[in-house]
């Protein structure tokens, strides 16, 4: 089992992509293009997240990244660290994922906006710390949680978030969900 940081991961992505792209900027463009096509299929209803299990999360990752990465829909087998954050260690990922996705299953109704923001912040930070894939964790989590919030009667307007505030809240979520919860309070609305 190897260990890598975000820079070593970039090299891996260049070597492992399905389109045989060797320039990182070109790879980013191709990834964004293929992702946008697959994400639009979700918006149009051609692909649906039926439940909120680990298998559904993995299938979503596969759907979004199948055109560009051979590891789409597969948990990583390397340790992952980005900046100062060490994500879930490989040897604990299955147990962590089992517990986390069990929590999705037994989650009570979200009766208030405050409760919805609190729970969404919790699940967002936990899925971020799980960080099960070599690439595409944030986008997969966002789509998964937007759909989950809808199932609980809330619309998460991710595109209205201030990106800088969101990134700071995600960094802080390793220690506390407070900033993330505040951002969700501002970007969640009840579906009537």
N, C-alpha and C. Protein backbone atom coordinates (compact mmCIF):
# COMPACT_ATOMS: atom_id res chain seq x y z
N UNK A 1 0.86 -1.16 0.00
CA UNK A 1 0.00 0.00 0.00
C UNK A 1 0.91 1.23 0.00
N UNK A 2 0.65 2.12 -0.92
CA UNK A 2 1.47 3.33 -1.00
C UNK A 2 0.73 4.51 -0.40
N UNK A 3 1.49 5.57 -0.14
CA UNK A 3 0.94 6.79 0.41
C UNK A 3 1.18 7.87 -0.63
N UNK A 4 0.23 8.78 -0.81
CA UNK A 4 0.47 9.87 -1.74
C UNK A 4 -0.19 11.14 -1.24
N UNK A 5 0.27 12.25 -1.78
CA UNK A 5 -0.40 13.51 -1.53
C UNK A 5 -1.01 13.99 -2.84
N UNK A 6 -1.60 15.18 -2.85
CA UNK A 6 -2.31 15.61 -4.05
C UNK A 6 -1.42 15.73 -5.27
N UNK A 7 -0.12 16.03 -5.09
CA UNK A 7 0.76 16.18 -6.25
C UNK A 7 1.09 14.82 -6.86
N UNK A 8 1.35 13.82 -6.01
CA UNK A 8 1.60 12.47 -6.52
C UNK A 8 0.35 11.91 -7.17
N UNK A 9 -0.82 12.28 -6.67
CA UNK A 9 -2.07 11.82 -7.26
C UNK A 9 -2.23 12.37 -8.67
N UNK A 10 -1.83 13.61 -8.90
CA UNK A 10 -1.89 14.19 -10.25
C UNK A 10 -1.10 13.34 -11.23
N UNK A 11 0.09 12.92 -10.83
CA UNK A 11 0.91 12.06 -11.69
C UNK A 11 0.20 10.73 -11.96
N UNK A 12 -0.40 10.17 -10.92
CA UNK A 12 -1.13 8.91 -11.08
C UNK A 12 -2.28 9.08 -12.08
N UNK A 13 -3.03 10.17 -11.96
CA UNK A 13 -4.17 10.39 -12.86
C UNK A 13 -3.71 10.51 -14.31
N UNK A 14 -2.57 11.14 -14.52
CA UNK A 14 -2.04 11.25 -15.88
C UNK A 14 -1.65 9.88 -16.44
N UNK A 15 -1.14 9.01 -15.60
CA UNK A 15 -0.73 7.68 -16.05
C UNK A 15 -1.92 6.74 -16.21
N UNK A 16 -2.99 6.97 -15.43
CA UNK A 16 -4.06 5.97 -15.35
C UNK A 16 -5.34 6.34 -16.11
N UNK A 17 -5.42 7.53 -16.68
CA UNK A 17 -6.69 7.91 -17.31
C UNK A 17 -6.97 7.09 -18.56
N UNK A 18 -8.23 6.90 -18.86
CA UNK A 18 -8.65 6.05 -19.98
C UNK A 18 -8.47 6.71 -21.35
N UNK A 19 -8.24 8.02 -21.36
CA UNK A 19 -8.12 8.74 -22.63
C UNK A 19 -6.66 8.93 -23.06
N UNK A 20 -5.74 8.37 -22.30
CA UNK A 20 -4.31 8.46 -22.60
C UNK A 20 -3.84 9.91 -22.74
N UNK A 21 -4.32 10.75 -21.84
CA UNK A 21 -3.94 12.16 -21.82
C UNK A 21 -2.71 12.31 -20.92
N UNK A 22 -1.72 13.08 -21.39
CA UNK A 22 -0.47 13.22 -20.64
C UNK A 22 -0.22 14.65 -20.17
N UNK A 23 -1.15 15.56 -20.42
CA UNK A 23 -1.04 16.94 -19.98
C UNK A 23 -2.12 17.18 -18.93
N UNK A 24 -1.73 17.70 -17.76
CA UNK A 24 -2.69 17.80 -16.67
C UNK A 24 -3.82 18.77 -16.98
N UNK A 25 -3.53 19.89 -17.62
CA UNK A 25 -4.61 20.83 -17.97
C UNK A 25 -5.60 20.19 -18.93
N UNK A 26 -5.09 19.45 -19.89
CA UNK A 26 -5.96 18.76 -20.84
C UNK A 26 -6.81 17.70 -20.12
N UNK A 27 -6.19 17.01 -19.14
CA UNK A 27 -6.93 16.02 -18.38
C UNK A 27 -8.04 16.69 -17.57
N UNK A 28 -7.75 17.82 -16.93
CA UNK A 28 -8.77 18.54 -16.17
C UNK A 28 -9.95 18.93 -17.06
N UNK A 29 -9.65 19.40 -18.28
CA UNK A 29 -10.71 19.79 -19.22
C UNK A 29 -11.55 18.58 -19.63
N UNK A 30 -10.88 17.48 -19.95
CA UNK A 30 -11.59 16.27 -20.35
C UNK A 30 -12.44 15.73 -19.20
N UNK A 31 -11.89 15.77 -18.00
CA UNK A 31 -12.63 15.30 -16.83
C UNK A 31 -13.86 16.17 -16.60
N UNK A 32 -13.69 17.48 -16.69
CA UNK A 32 -14.83 18.40 -16.49
C UNK A 32 -15.90 18.16 -17.55
N UNK A 33 -15.48 17.91 -18.78
CA UNK A 33 -16.44 17.67 -19.88
C UNK A 33 -17.21 16.38 -19.66
N UNK A 34 -16.49 15.28 -19.39
CA UNK A 34 -17.17 14.00 -19.21
C UNK A 34 -18.04 14.01 -17.96
N UNK A 35 -17.56 14.67 -16.91
CA UNK A 35 -18.36 14.79 -15.69
C UNK A 35 -19.65 15.56 -15.96
N UNK A 36 -19.55 16.66 -16.70
CA UNK A 36 -20.75 17.48 -16.96
C UNK A 36 -21.81 16.70 -17.74
N UNK A 37 -21.38 15.86 -18.66
CA UNK A 37 -22.33 15.04 -19.41
C UNK A 37 -23.04 14.06 -18.48
N UNK A 38 -22.26 13.37 -17.65
CA UNK A 38 -22.84 12.38 -16.74
C UNK A 38 -23.72 13.05 -15.67
N UNK A 39 -23.29 14.21 -15.17
CA UNK A 39 -24.09 14.93 -14.17
C UNK A 39 -25.41 15.41 -14.78
N UNK A 40 -25.37 15.82 -16.05
CA UNK A 40 -26.61 16.28 -16.69
C UNK A 40 -27.59 15.13 -16.86
N UNK A 41 -27.10 13.91 -17.00
CA UNK A 41 -27.99 12.75 -17.08
C UNK A 41 -28.76 12.58 -15.77
N UNK A 42 -28.14 12.93 -14.66
CA UNK A 42 -28.81 12.86 -13.37
C UNK A 42 -29.88 13.95 -13.30
N UNK A 43 -29.52 15.16 -13.70
CA UNK A 43 -30.48 16.27 -13.68
C UNK A 43 -31.68 15.99 -14.57
N UNK A 44 -31.46 15.29 -15.69
CA UNK A 44 -32.54 14.99 -16.63
C UNK A 44 -33.31 13.73 -16.26
N UNK A 45 -32.87 13.03 -15.23
CA UNK A 45 -33.57 11.84 -14.77
C UNK A 45 -33.19 10.56 -15.48
N UNK A 46 -32.17 10.60 -16.34
CA UNK A 46 -31.73 9.39 -17.05
C UNK A 46 -30.96 8.45 -16.11
N UNK A 47 -30.39 9.00 -15.05
CA UNK A 47 -29.72 8.21 -14.02
C UNK A 47 -30.32 8.65 -12.69
N UNK A 48 -30.71 7.69 -11.87
CA UNK A 48 -31.34 8.03 -10.59
C UNK A 48 -30.62 7.35 -9.44
N UNK A 49 -30.48 8.10 -8.38
CA UNK A 49 -30.00 7.54 -7.12
C UNK A 49 -31.24 7.01 -6.42
N UNK A 50 -31.33 5.71 -6.29
CA UNK A 50 -32.54 5.08 -5.78
C UNK A 50 -32.55 5.01 -4.26
N UNK A 51 -31.41 4.72 -3.67
CA UNK A 51 -31.31 4.61 -2.22
C UNK A 51 -30.03 5.32 -1.79
N UNK A 52 -29.71 5.24 -0.53
CA UNK A 52 -28.56 5.98 -0.02
C UNK A 52 -27.63 5.04 0.73
N UNK A 53 -27.30 3.95 0.05
CA UNK A 53 -26.40 2.94 0.60
C UNK A 53 -24.99 3.16 0.06
N UNK A 54 -24.07 2.42 0.63
CA UNK A 54 -22.69 2.46 0.12
C UNK A 54 -22.67 2.06 -1.35
N UNK A 55 -23.43 1.03 -1.72
CA UNK A 55 -23.46 0.58 -3.11
C UNK A 55 -23.97 1.67 -4.04
N UNK A 56 -24.97 2.44 -3.59
CA UNK A 56 -25.49 3.53 -4.41
C UNK A 56 -24.46 4.65 -4.55
N UNK A 57 -23.71 4.92 -3.49
CA UNK A 57 -22.66 5.93 -3.52
C UNK A 57 -21.55 5.52 -4.50
N UNK A 58 -21.14 4.26 -4.42
CA UNK A 58 -20.11 3.73 -5.32
C UNK A 58 -20.61 3.74 -6.77
N UNK A 59 -21.86 3.35 -6.98
CA UNK A 59 -22.43 3.35 -8.33
C UNK A 59 -22.50 4.76 -8.90
N UNK A 60 -22.80 5.73 -8.05
CA UNK A 60 -22.82 7.12 -8.50
C UNK A 60 -21.43 7.56 -8.95
N UNK A 61 -20.42 7.24 -8.19
CA UNK A 61 -19.05 7.58 -8.59
C UNK A 61 -18.71 6.93 -9.93
N UNK A 62 -19.09 5.66 -10.07
CA UNK A 62 -18.84 4.99 -11.34
C UNK A 62 -19.54 5.72 -12.49
N UNK A 63 -20.79 6.06 -12.29
CA UNK A 63 -21.55 6.75 -13.33
C UNK A 63 -20.85 8.05 -13.74
N UNK A 64 -20.41 8.82 -12.76
CA UNK A 64 -19.84 10.14 -13.04
C UNK A 64 -18.47 10.09 -13.70
N UNK A 65 -17.66 9.07 -13.38
CA UNK A 65 -16.26 9.07 -13.82
C UNK A 65 -15.87 7.88 -14.70
N UNK A 66 -16.82 7.09 -15.13
CA UNK A 66 -16.53 5.89 -15.91
C UNK A 66 -15.85 6.18 -17.25
N UNK A 67 -16.04 7.35 -17.79
CA UNK A 67 -15.47 7.67 -19.10
C UNK A 67 -14.02 8.11 -19.04
N UNK A 68 -13.53 8.36 -17.83
CA UNK A 68 -12.18 8.92 -17.75
C UNK A 68 -11.20 8.15 -16.86
N UNK A 69 -11.72 7.43 -15.85
CA UNK A 69 -10.81 6.74 -14.93
C UNK A 69 -11.15 5.26 -14.78
N UNK A 70 -10.15 4.40 -14.83
CA UNK A 70 -10.41 2.96 -14.66
C UNK A 70 -10.82 2.59 -13.24
N UNK A 71 -10.54 3.46 -12.28
CA UNK A 71 -10.90 3.20 -10.89
C UNK A 71 -12.28 3.74 -10.52
N UNK A 72 -13.04 4.21 -11.50
CA UNK A 72 -14.38 4.73 -11.21
C UNK A 72 -15.20 3.65 -10.49
N UNK A 73 -15.83 4.05 -9.40
CA UNK A 73 -16.66 3.12 -8.65
C UNK A 73 -15.88 2.15 -7.79
N UNK A 74 -14.62 2.45 -7.50
CA UNK A 74 -13.81 1.57 -6.66
C UNK A 74 -13.18 2.37 -5.52
N UNK A 75 -13.26 1.83 -4.32
CA UNK A 75 -12.59 2.47 -3.20
C UNK A 75 -11.08 2.45 -3.44
N UNK A 76 -10.43 3.49 -3.00
CA UNK A 76 -8.97 3.58 -3.17
C UNK A 76 -8.27 2.51 -2.34
N UNK A 77 -7.05 2.17 -2.77
CA UNK A 77 -6.25 1.19 -2.03
C UNK A 77 -4.92 1.80 -1.58
N UNK A 78 -4.89 3.12 -1.53
CA UNK A 78 -3.71 3.86 -1.07
C UNK A 78 -4.16 4.83 0.02
N UNK A 79 -3.19 5.23 0.84
CA UNK A 79 -3.47 6.26 1.85
C UNK A 79 -3.57 7.60 1.13
N UNK A 80 -4.36 8.49 1.68
CA UNK A 80 -4.57 9.78 1.04
C UNK A 80 -4.46 10.90 2.05
N UNK A 81 -3.65 11.89 1.68
CA UNK A 81 -3.49 13.08 2.50
C UNK A 81 -3.47 14.28 1.58
N UNK A 82 -4.20 15.32 1.95
CA UNK A 82 -4.22 16.54 1.16
C UNK A 82 -3.98 17.71 2.09
N UNK A 83 -2.99 18.53 1.73
CA UNK A 83 -2.55 19.61 2.61
C UNK A 83 -2.27 18.99 3.98
N UNK A 84 -2.90 19.46 5.03
CA UNK A 84 -2.64 18.91 6.36
C UNK A 84 -3.65 17.88 6.80
N UNK A 85 -4.55 17.49 5.92
CA UNK A 85 -5.62 16.57 6.29
C UNK A 85 -5.32 15.15 5.84
N UNK A 86 -5.31 14.23 6.80
CA UNK A 86 -5.16 12.81 6.48
C UNK A 86 -6.55 12.20 6.49
N UNK A 87 -6.95 11.65 5.35
CA UNK A 87 -8.27 11.05 5.24
C UNK A 87 -8.25 9.64 5.81
N UNK A 88 -9.41 9.02 5.87
CA UNK A 88 -9.55 7.70 6.47
C UNK A 88 -8.48 6.74 5.95
N UNK A 89 -7.84 6.05 6.85
CA UNK A 89 -6.83 5.07 6.48
C UNK A 89 -7.50 3.89 5.77
N UNK A 90 -6.82 3.37 4.77
CA UNK A 90 -7.38 2.32 3.92
C UNK A 90 -7.90 1.14 4.74
N UNK A 91 -7.16 0.73 5.75
CA UNK A 91 -7.54 -0.45 6.52
C UNK A 91 -8.83 -0.25 7.32
N UNK A 92 -9.26 1.00 7.49
CA UNK A 92 -10.48 1.28 8.25
C UNK A 92 -11.65 1.71 7.37
N UNK A 93 -11.44 1.83 6.07
CA UNK A 93 -12.47 2.39 5.19
C UNK A 93 -13.75 1.58 5.17
N UNK A 94 -13.66 0.28 5.07
CA UNK A 94 -14.88 -0.55 4.99
C UNK A 94 -15.73 -0.40 6.25
N UNK A 95 -15.08 -0.46 7.41
CA UNK A 95 -15.83 -0.33 8.67
C UNK A 95 -16.42 1.07 8.81
N UNK A 96 -15.64 2.09 8.47
CA UNK A 96 -16.11 3.47 8.54
C UNK A 96 -17.30 3.68 7.60
N UNK A 97 -17.16 3.18 6.37
CA UNK A 97 -18.24 3.31 5.39
C UNK A 97 -19.50 2.56 5.84
N UNK A 98 -19.34 1.37 6.36
CA UNK A 98 -20.50 0.60 6.84
C UNK A 98 -21.26 1.35 7.91
N UNK A 99 -20.53 1.90 8.86
CA UNK A 99 -21.17 2.65 9.93
C UNK A 99 -21.85 3.91 9.40
N UNK A 100 -21.15 4.64 8.55
CA UNK A 100 -21.70 5.88 8.01
C UNK A 100 -22.95 5.65 7.17
N UNK A 101 -22.93 4.68 6.29
CA UNK A 101 -24.10 4.43 5.44
C UNK A 101 -25.25 3.80 6.23
N UNK A 102 -24.94 3.14 7.33
CA UNK A 102 -26.00 2.68 8.22
C UNK A 102 -26.72 3.89 8.83
N UNK A 103 -25.96 4.92 9.15
CA UNK A 103 -26.55 6.14 9.70
C UNK A 103 -27.51 6.79 8.70
N UNK A 104 -27.16 6.77 7.42
CA UNK A 104 -28.08 7.29 6.40
C UNK A 104 -29.41 6.52 6.47
N UNK A 105 -29.32 5.22 6.65
CA UNK A 105 -30.50 4.36 6.64
C UNK A 105 -31.43 4.63 7.82
N UNK A 106 -30.86 4.90 8.98
CA UNK A 106 -31.68 5.07 10.18
C UNK A 106 -31.94 6.54 10.52
N UNK A 107 -31.53 7.44 9.67
CA UNK A 107 -31.69 8.88 9.90
C UNK A 107 -33.17 9.24 10.07
N UNK A 108 -33.50 10.00 11.12
CA UNK A 108 -34.90 10.42 11.31
C UNK A 108 -35.29 11.49 10.29
N UNK A 109 -36.55 11.87 10.30
CA UNK A 109 -37.03 12.94 9.44
C UNK A 109 -36.33 14.25 9.81
N UNK A 110 -36.18 15.11 8.82
CA UNK A 110 -35.63 16.44 9.06
C UNK A 110 -36.82 17.39 9.17
N UNK A 111 -37.20 17.73 10.38
CA UNK A 111 -38.40 18.53 10.61
C UNK A 111 -38.18 20.03 10.53
N UNK A 112 -36.95 20.48 10.80
CA UNK A 112 -36.69 21.92 10.78
C UNK A 112 -35.48 22.21 9.89
N UNK A 113 -35.38 23.44 9.47
CA UNK A 113 -34.23 23.88 8.68
C UNK A 113 -32.94 23.74 9.48
N UNK A 114 -32.99 24.06 10.75
CA UNK A 114 -31.81 23.97 11.61
C UNK A 114 -31.33 22.53 11.74
N UNK A 115 -32.27 21.61 11.92
CA UNK A 115 -31.90 20.20 12.02
C UNK A 115 -31.33 19.70 10.68
N UNK A 116 -31.94 20.10 9.59
CA UNK A 116 -31.47 19.71 8.25
C UNK A 116 -30.04 20.21 8.02
N UNK A 117 -29.77 21.46 8.37
CA UNK A 117 -28.42 22.02 8.19
C UNK A 117 -27.41 21.29 9.05
N UNK A 118 -27.80 20.97 10.28
CA UNK A 118 -26.92 20.24 11.18
C UNK A 118 -26.58 18.87 10.64
N UNK A 119 -27.57 18.14 10.19
CA UNK A 119 -27.35 16.78 9.70
C UNK A 119 -26.61 16.77 8.36
N UNK A 120 -26.94 17.71 7.51
CA UNK A 120 -26.24 17.79 6.22
C UNK A 120 -24.76 18.11 6.45
N UNK A 121 -24.47 19.02 7.38
CA UNK A 121 -23.08 19.34 7.71
C UNK A 121 -22.36 18.10 8.25
N UNK A 122 -23.04 17.36 9.09
CA UNK A 122 -22.45 16.13 9.64
C UNK A 122 -22.11 15.15 8.52
N UNK A 123 -23.09 14.84 7.68
CA UNK A 123 -22.84 13.87 6.61
C UNK A 123 -21.79 14.36 5.61
N UNK A 124 -21.80 15.65 5.32
CA UNK A 124 -20.80 16.20 4.39
C UNK A 124 -19.40 16.04 4.95
N UNK A 125 -19.22 16.38 6.22
CA UNK A 125 -17.88 16.27 6.80
C UNK A 125 -17.44 14.81 6.94
N UNK A 126 -18.37 13.93 7.27
CA UNK A 126 -18.01 12.51 7.41
C UNK A 126 -17.65 11.88 6.06
N UNK A 127 -18.43 12.18 5.03
CA UNK A 127 -18.10 11.65 3.69
C UNK A 127 -16.78 12.22 3.19
N UNK A 128 -16.52 13.47 3.53
CA UNK A 128 -15.24 14.06 3.16
C UNK A 128 -14.08 13.33 3.85
N UNK A 129 -14.23 13.02 5.13
CA UNK A 129 -13.16 12.31 5.84
C UNK A 129 -13.01 10.87 5.37
N UNK A 130 -14.10 10.25 4.95
CA UNK A 130 -14.00 8.91 4.35
C UNK A 130 -13.18 8.98 3.08
N UNK A 131 -13.47 9.94 2.21
CA UNK A 131 -12.71 10.20 0.98
C UNK A 131 -12.31 8.89 0.28
N UNK A 132 -13.30 8.11 -0.14
CA UNK A 132 -13.01 6.75 -0.57
C UNK A 132 -12.39 6.59 -1.96
N UNK A 133 -12.42 7.63 -2.78
CA UNK A 133 -11.97 7.48 -4.17
C UNK A 133 -10.68 8.26 -4.43
N UNK A 134 -9.96 7.85 -5.44
CA UNK A 134 -8.72 8.55 -5.78
C UNK A 134 -9.01 9.93 -6.33
N UNK A 135 -10.15 10.12 -6.93
CA UNK A 135 -10.53 11.42 -7.50
C UNK A 135 -12.05 11.48 -7.53
N UNK A 136 -12.61 12.68 -7.44
CA UNK A 136 -14.05 12.86 -7.60
C UNK A 136 -14.87 12.73 -6.33
N UNK A 137 -14.22 12.75 -5.17
CA UNK A 137 -14.94 12.62 -3.91
C UNK A 137 -15.92 13.76 -3.67
N UNK A 138 -15.47 14.99 -3.84
CA UNK A 138 -16.30 16.15 -3.56
C UNK A 138 -17.53 16.22 -4.45
N UNK A 139 -17.34 15.99 -5.73
CA UNK A 139 -18.47 16.06 -6.66
C UNK A 139 -19.46 14.93 -6.43
N UNK A 140 -18.96 13.74 -6.17
CA UNK A 140 -19.84 12.61 -5.90
C UNK A 140 -20.64 12.86 -4.62
N UNK A 141 -19.96 13.33 -3.59
CA UNK A 141 -20.62 13.63 -2.32
C UNK A 141 -21.67 14.71 -2.49
N UNK A 142 -21.35 15.77 -3.23
CA UNK A 142 -22.31 16.86 -3.42
C UNK A 142 -23.60 16.37 -4.06
N UNK A 143 -23.47 15.62 -5.14
CA UNK A 143 -24.67 15.12 -5.84
C UNK A 143 -25.45 14.15 -4.96
N UNK A 144 -24.73 13.28 -4.28
CA UNK A 144 -25.36 12.31 -3.39
C UNK A 144 -26.14 13.03 -2.29
N UNK A 145 -25.51 14.03 -1.66
CA UNK A 145 -26.15 14.74 -0.56
C UNK A 145 -27.27 15.67 -1.02
N UNK A 146 -27.14 16.24 -2.21
CA UNK A 146 -28.25 17.04 -2.73
C UNK A 146 -29.49 16.17 -2.90
N UNK A 147 -29.29 14.98 -3.41
CA UNK A 147 -30.40 14.05 -3.60
C UNK A 147 -30.94 13.57 -2.25
N UNK A 148 -30.04 13.31 -1.31
CA UNK A 148 -30.46 12.89 0.02
C UNK A 148 -31.29 13.98 0.70
N UNK A 149 -30.82 15.22 0.61
CA UNK A 149 -31.56 16.35 1.20
C UNK A 149 -32.96 16.44 0.60
N UNK A 150 -33.07 16.23 -0.72
CA UNK A 150 -34.40 16.24 -1.36
C UNK A 150 -35.29 15.15 -0.78
N UNK A 151 -34.70 13.98 -0.52
CA UNK A 151 -35.50 12.88 0.04
C UNK A 151 -36.00 13.22 1.44
N UNK A 152 -35.34 14.17 2.09
CA UNK A 152 -35.73 14.60 3.43
C UNK A 152 -36.58 15.87 3.39
N UNK A 153 -36.89 16.36 2.16
CA UNK A 153 -37.77 17.51 2.01
C UNK A 153 -37.08 18.85 1.93
N UNK A 154 -35.77 18.85 1.58
CA UNK A 154 -35.03 20.10 1.50
C UNK A 154 -34.24 20.19 0.20
N UNK A 155 -34.15 21.40 -0.32
CA UNK A 155 -33.36 21.67 -1.51
C UNK A 155 -32.07 22.36 -1.07
N UNK A 156 -30.92 21.76 -1.41
CA UNK A 156 -29.62 22.35 -1.11
C UNK A 156 -29.15 23.07 -2.36
N UNK A 157 -29.08 24.38 -2.31
CA UNK A 157 -28.66 25.19 -3.45
C UNK A 157 -27.15 25.41 -3.38
N UNK A 158 -26.43 24.37 -3.75
CA UNK A 158 -24.97 24.37 -3.69
C UNK A 158 -24.38 25.50 -4.51
N UNK A 159 -24.95 25.77 -5.66
CA UNK A 159 -24.39 26.77 -6.57
C UNK A 159 -24.48 28.20 -6.03
N UNK A 160 -25.20 28.42 -4.94
CA UNK A 160 -25.28 29.76 -4.35
C UNK A 160 -24.25 29.97 -3.24
N UNK A 161 -23.49 28.94 -2.93
CA UNK A 161 -22.49 29.05 -1.86
C UNK A 161 -21.28 29.86 -2.33
N UNK A 162 -20.73 30.64 -1.44
CA UNK A 162 -19.47 31.33 -1.69
C UNK A 162 -18.36 30.29 -1.64
N UNK A 163 -17.65 30.13 -2.74
CA UNK A 163 -16.66 29.05 -2.85
C UNK A 163 -15.57 29.16 -1.79
N UNK A 164 -15.09 30.36 -1.53
CA UNK A 164 -14.02 30.54 -0.55
C UNK A 164 -14.52 30.18 0.86
N UNK A 165 -15.72 30.64 1.20
CA UNK A 165 -16.29 30.30 2.51
C UNK A 165 -16.53 28.80 2.63
N UNK A 166 -16.96 28.20 1.53
CA UNK A 166 -17.21 26.76 1.52
C UNK A 166 -15.91 25.99 1.76
N UNK A 167 -14.85 26.39 1.08
CA UNK A 167 -13.56 25.70 1.25
C UNK A 167 -13.06 25.85 2.69
N UNK A 168 -13.19 27.04 3.27
CA UNK A 168 -12.77 27.24 4.65
C UNK A 168 -13.61 26.38 5.61
N UNK A 169 -14.90 26.30 5.33
CA UNK A 169 -15.78 25.48 6.17
C UNK A 169 -15.41 24.01 6.06
N UNK A 170 -15.06 23.55 4.87
CA UNK A 170 -14.66 22.16 4.69
C UNK A 170 -13.35 21.86 5.41
N UNK A 171 -12.41 22.77 5.35
CA UNK A 171 -11.14 22.58 6.06
C UNK A 171 -11.40 22.51 7.57
N UNK A 172 -12.24 23.41 8.05
CA UNK A 172 -12.55 23.45 9.49
C UNK A 172 -13.38 22.25 9.93
N UNK A 173 -14.12 21.65 9.01
CA UNK A 173 -15.02 20.55 9.38
C UNK A 173 -14.28 19.33 9.93
N UNK A 174 -12.97 19.29 9.76
CA UNK A 174 -12.18 18.22 10.37
C UNK A 174 -12.30 18.31 11.90
N UNK A 175 -12.44 19.54 12.39
CA UNK A 175 -12.53 19.77 13.84
C UNK A 175 -13.94 20.13 14.30
N UNK A 176 -14.67 20.88 13.45
CA UNK A 176 -16.00 21.36 13.85
C UNK A 176 -16.84 21.62 12.60
N UNK A 177 -18.12 21.26 12.68
CA UNK A 177 -19.05 21.47 11.57
C UNK A 177 -19.74 22.83 11.61
N UNK A 178 -19.36 23.70 12.54
CA UNK A 178 -20.11 24.94 12.76
C UNK A 178 -20.19 25.84 11.53
N UNK A 179 -19.09 26.08 10.84
CA UNK A 179 -19.12 26.95 9.65
C UNK A 179 -19.90 26.29 8.52
N UNK A 180 -19.75 25.02 8.39
CA UNK A 180 -20.47 24.27 7.35
C UNK A 180 -21.97 24.32 7.63
N UNK A 181 -22.33 24.13 8.86
CA UNK A 181 -23.74 24.18 9.24
C UNK A 181 -24.34 25.56 8.93
N UNK A 182 -23.58 26.62 9.20
CA UNK A 182 -24.06 27.98 8.90
C UNK A 182 -24.26 28.16 7.40
N UNK A 183 -23.33 27.67 6.60
CA UNK A 183 -23.48 27.76 5.14
C UNK A 183 -24.71 27.00 4.66
N UNK A 184 -24.97 25.85 5.26
CA UNK A 184 -26.15 25.08 4.87
C UNK A 184 -27.43 25.78 5.29
N UNK A 185 -27.41 26.44 6.44
CA UNK A 185 -28.59 27.21 6.85
C UNK A 185 -28.96 28.26 5.80
N UNK A 186 -27.92 28.84 5.18
CA UNK A 186 -28.13 29.89 4.17
C UNK A 186 -28.48 29.35 2.79
N UNK A 187 -28.26 28.06 2.55
CA UNK A 187 -28.44 27.53 1.19
C UNK A 187 -29.45 26.38 1.13
N UNK A 188 -30.12 26.10 2.23
CA UNK A 188 -31.16 25.07 2.25
C UNK A 188 -32.54 25.74 2.29
N UNK A 189 -33.46 25.19 1.55
CA UNK A 189 -34.85 25.62 1.65
C UNK A 189 -35.74 24.39 1.70
N UNK A 190 -36.85 24.54 2.39
CA UNK A 190 -37.80 23.43 2.48
C UNK A 190 -38.53 23.30 1.14
N UNK A 191 -38.72 22.07 0.70
CA UNK A 191 -39.49 21.80 -0.50
C UNK A 191 -40.94 21.67 -0.09
N UNK A 192 -41.80 22.50 -0.65
CA UNK A 192 -43.24 22.45 -0.30
C UNK A 192 -44.01 21.55 -1.23
